Amino acid sequence: MTADIATRRSPLDGWTSRFTELAPAVRLAERPFLAQLTLRLTDTSRAAAVSRVLGVELPETPCTFSSGTGPHGPVEVAWLGPDEYLVLAQPGLQRTLESALREAIGDTHGAVVDVSAQRTTLTLSGPRARDLLAHGCAIDLHPSASPIGTCVQTLLAQAGIILLVRDADAGEFVVLVRASFATYLAAWLVDAGMEYREYREQPV
């Protein structure tokens, strides 16, 4: 049974003050307890039914994600493979979404697995967020190479992550990392971002 969110501790509980030290160059925060569901869809004829449940189309292009607001609130769907997707939604919705998605795909056309406990989520934004990620990630995050909607499975400081590009020009990113690697990655990000602590945004 899923524990009440109010009584749970996130993988990065206690890190907020350390993350704040990187601002304004990098705005780093944890978004804990997001509902995360792995969706396998072996019959594409069920895609429309799945989209109605989520309120967003499934991404068709490899290494992209789609986002929108549906019956269950804001949702992001990341392409992980030819018939595999990761559904991200607000905390506490995993059971509701899992049940609705199972009904949409039927018993023989795919599978839905609640993986909410596997990973936590970090958001990075700010004028130096892309530079910080470049210290430990081989993916070219320039907007011309990784535009809005890009989703990649890669390594950041040797930790496996899923990286979403929410706004390429503004430098807004989402990093999903396994809970067991969360403190390691948080420590790396804080250490690698120390050089930007004296950064001051230029007046408009």
Protein backbone atom coordinates (compact mmCIF):
# COMPACT_ATOMS: atom_id res chain seq x y z
CA MET A 1 0.00 0.00 0.00
CA THR A 2 1.36 3.42 -0.96
CA ALA A 3 2.38 5.42 2.09
CA ASP A 4 0.76 8.80 2.60
CA ILE A 5 2.95 11.47 1.01
CA ALA A 6 2.86 13.54 4.19
CA THR A 7 4.63 10.75 6.09
CA ARG A 8 7.19 9.90 3.43
CA ARG A 9 10.70 11.27 3.09
CA SER A 10 11.92 12.08 -0.38
CA PRO A 11 15.34 10.80 -1.51
CA LEU A 12 16.68 14.36 -1.33
CA ASP A 13 15.02 15.48 1.86
CA GLY A 14 17.18 18.16 3.47
CA TRP A 15 18.93 19.31 0.29
CA THR A 16 16.83 22.41 -0.40
CA SER A 17 19.20 24.88 1.28
CA ARG A 18 22.20 23.49 -0.60
CA PHE A 19 20.34 23.71 -3.90
CA THR A 20 19.42 27.32 -3.14
CA GLU A 21 23.11 28.24 -2.96
CA LEU A 22 23.39 27.79 -6.73
CA ALA A 23 20.80 30.47 -7.54
CA PRO A 24 20.41 32.62 -9.57
CA ALA A 25 22.81 30.96 -12.02
CA VAL A 26 21.10 27.59 -11.56
CA ARG A 27 17.71 27.04 -9.99
CA LEU A 28 17.75 23.44 -8.79
CA ALA A 29 14.89 21.71 -6.99
CA GLU A 30 13.52 18.26 -6.30
CA ARG A 31 9.98 17.34 -7.34
CA PRO A 32 9.43 14.25 -5.20
CA PHE A 33 6.77 11.56 -5.37
CA LEU A 34 5.62 12.14 -8.96
CA ALA A 35 3.40 9.39 -10.29
CA GLN A 36 5.53 7.42 -12.77
CA LEU A 37 4.16 4.60 -14.88
CA THR A 38 5.94 2.52 -17.47
CA LEU A 39 3.58 1.85 -20.36
CA ARG A 40 4.20 -0.86 -22.96
CA LEU A 41 1.84 -0.69 -25.92
CA THR A 42 2.14 -3.55 -28.39
CA ASP A 43 -1.01 -2.66 -30.33
CA THR A 44 -0.95 0.86 -31.78
CA SER A 45 -4.70 0.72 -32.36
CA ARG A 46 -5.03 1.32 -28.61
CA ALA A 47 -3.03 4.57 -28.76
CA ALA A 48 -6.14 6.71 -29.17
CA ALA A 49 -7.75 5.20 -26.07
CA VAL A 50 -4.56 5.78 -24.10
CA SER A 51 -4.40 9.39 -25.29
CA ARG A 52 -7.96 9.98 -24.11
CA VAL A 53 -7.05 8.72 -20.64
CA LEU A 54 -3.97 10.92 -20.44
CA GLY A 55 -5.25 13.95 -22.33
CA VAL A 56 -2.06 14.03 -24.41
CA GLU A 57 -0.92 12.25 -27.58
CA LEU A 58 1.73 9.57 -27.25
CA PRO A 59 5.02 10.77 -28.75
CA GLU A 60 5.70 9.10 -32.10
CA THR A 61 9.21 10.45 -32.69
CA PRO A 62 12.06 8.68 -30.89
CA CYS A 63 13.74 10.60 -28.08
CA THR A 64 10.90 13.07 -27.58
CA PHE A 65 8.19 13.67 -25.01
CA SER A 66 4.73 15.18 -25.15
CA SER A 67 2.95 17.17 -22.48
CA GLY A 68 -0.47 18.55 -21.76
CA THR A 69 -3.32 18.68 -19.28
CA GLY A 70 -5.94 15.97 -19.28
CA PRO A 71 -8.64 14.53 -17.04
CA HIS A 72 -6.04 13.82 -14.34
CA GLY A 73 -4.17 17.13 -14.55
CA PRO A 74 -0.75 17.87 -16.07
CA VAL A 75 0.87 14.87 -17.75
CA GLU A 76 4.15 14.26 -19.57
CA VAL A 77 4.75 11.16 -21.68
CA ALA A 78 8.34 10.28 -22.62
CA TRP A 79 9.31 7.98 -25.48
CA LEU A 80 11.70 5.33 -24.14
CA GLY A 81 11.52 2.75 -26.94
CA PRO A 82 9.46 1.65 -29.96
CA ASP A 83 6.58 0.51 -27.73
CA GLU A 84 7.66 1.84 -24.33
CA TYR A 85 6.71 5.11 -22.64
CA LEU A 86 7.14 6.73 -19.25
CA VAL A 87 4.07 8.57 -17.98
CA LEU A 88 4.64 11.36 -15.44
CA ALA A 89 1.78 12.85 -13.47
CA GLN A 90 1.04 14.58 -10.18
CA PRO A 91 1.80 12.78 -6.89
CA GLY A 92 -0.76 10.29 -5.69
CA LEU A 93 -2.30 9.52 -9.09
CA GLN A 94 -0.44 6.29 -9.84
CA ARG A 95 -3.29 3.96 -8.85
CA THR A 96 -5.93 5.94 -10.69
CA LEU A 97 -3.86 6.20 -13.86
CA GLU A 98 -2.71 2.59 -13.71
CA SER A 99 -6.30 1.37 -13.53
CA ALA A 100 -7.47 3.68 -16.33
CA LEU A 101 -4.57 2.75 -18.60
CA ARG A 102 -5.05 -0.98 -18.03
CA GLU A 103 -8.67 -0.60 -19.07
CA ALA A 104 -7.62 1.39 -22.17
CA ILE A 105 -5.08 -1.14 -23.44
CA GLY A 106 -6.91 -4.33 -22.49
CA ASP A 107 -5.41 -7.55 -21.21
CA THR A 108 -3.35 -8.54 -24.26
CA HIS A 109 -2.17 -5.33 -25.89
CA GLY A 110 0.48 -4.10 -23.50
CA ALA A 111 1.32 -3.58 -19.86
CA VAL A 112 1.33 -0.85 -17.21
CA VAL A 113 3.71 -0.88 -14.24
CA ASP A 114 3.87 1.60 -11.39
CA VAL A 115 7.55 2.66 -11.10
CA SER A 116 6.98 5.76 -8.97
CA ALA A 117 9.34 4.56 -6.23
CA GLN A 118 12.22 3.96 -8.64
CA ARG A 119 13.19 7.55 -9.37
CA THR A 120 13.02 11.04 -8.03
CA THR A 121 12.84 14.15 -10.18
CA LEU A 122 15.09 17.20 -10.32
CA THR A 123 14.30 20.40 -12.18
CA LEU A 124 17.09 22.66 -13.41
CA SER A 125 16.68 26.09 -14.92
CA GLY A 126 18.54 29.35 -15.13
CA PRO A 127 21.23 30.91 -17.31
CA ARG A 128 23.89 28.37 -16.31
CA ALA A 129 21.78 25.20 -16.10
CA ARG A 130 22.92 23.98 -19.53
CA ASP A 131 26.57 24.67 -18.65
CA LEU A 132 26.22 22.73 -15.41
CA LEU A 133 24.77 19.70 -17.17
CA ALA A 134 27.52 19.87 -19.79
CA HIS A 135 30.11 19.21 -17.08
CA GLY A 136 28.92 15.62 -16.77
CA CYS A 137 26.69 14.82 -19.75
CA ALA A 138 27.84 13.95 -23.28
CA ILE A 139 24.54 14.99 -24.90
CA ASP A 140 24.70 18.22 -26.91
CA LEU A 141 22.09 20.38 -25.19
CA HIS A 142 22.34 23.35 -27.52
CA PRO A 143 18.83 24.29 -28.69
CA SER A 144 19.73 23.43 -32.28
CA ALA A 145 20.61 19.86 -31.26
CA SER A 146 18.18 19.32 -28.37
CA PRO A 147 15.06 21.44 -28.94
CA ILE A 148 12.03 21.67 -26.69
CA GLY A 149 10.50 18.22 -26.30
CA THR A 150 13.75 16.28 -26.41
CA CYS A 151 13.92 13.20 -24.15
CA VAL A 152 17.08 11.11 -23.80
CA GLN A 153 18.31 8.28 -21.61
CA THR A 154 21.93 9.07 -20.85
CA LEU A 155 24.56 9.40 -18.14
CA LEU A 156 25.11 12.44 -15.95
CA ALA A 157 28.27 12.17 -13.87
CA GLN A 158 28.15 8.41 -14.58
CA ALA A 159 24.65 8.11 -13.11
CA GLY A 160 21.91 6.84 -15.41
CA ILE A 161 19.21 9.46 -15.97
CA ILE A 162 16.26 10.37 -18.15
CA LEU A 163 16.62 13.96 -19.33
CA LEU A 164 13.74 16.09 -20.62
CA VAL A 165 14.27 19.45 -22.32
CA ARG A 166 11.31 21.60 -21.33
CA ASP A 167 12.60 24.89 -22.74
CA ALA A 168 15.79 24.78 -24.77
CA ASP A 169 16.20 28.55 -25.15
CA ALA A 170 15.51 29.38 -21.50
CA GLY A 171 17.54 26.40 -20.26
CA GLU A 172 14.83 24.46 -18.41
CA PHE A 173 15.46 20.74 -17.89
CA VAL A 174 14.05 17.80 -15.95
CA VAL A 175 16.30 15.00 -14.69
CA LEU A 176 14.91 11.71 -13.45
CA VAL A 177 17.40 9.66 -11.47
CA ARG A 178 17.05 6.41 -9.54
CA ALA A 179 16.46 7.02 -5.85
CA SER A 180 19.59 5.06 -4.92
CA PHE A 181 21.74 7.48 -6.95
CA ALA A 182 19.90 10.66 -5.95
CA THR A 183 22.19 11.86 -3.14
CA TYR A 184 25.29 11.10 -5.22
CA LEU A 185 23.95 13.12 -8.15
CA ALA A 186 22.76 15.95 -5.91
CA ALA A 187 26.20 16.23 -4.34
CA TRP A 188 27.81 16.24 -7.78
CA LEU A 189 25.48 18.98 -9.06
CA VAL A 190 26.10 21.18 -6.03
CA ASP A 191 29.86 20.70 -6.28
CA ALA A 192 29.99 21.24 -10.05
CA GLY A 193 27.84 24.35 -9.72
CA MET A 194 30.02 26.07 -7.14
CA GLU A 195 31.87 28.00 -9.85
CA TYR A 196 28.62 29.78 -10.71
CA ARG A 197 27.82 30.99 -7.19
CA GLU A 198 29.15 34.47 -7.92
CA TYR A 199 27.10 34.76 -11.09
CA ARG A 200 24.77 37.73 -11.17
CA GLU A 201 22.03 38.17 -13.72
CA GLN A 202 22.52 41.15 -15.99
CA PRO A 203 19.98 43.97 -15.56
CA VAL A 204 17.46 44.27 -18.36
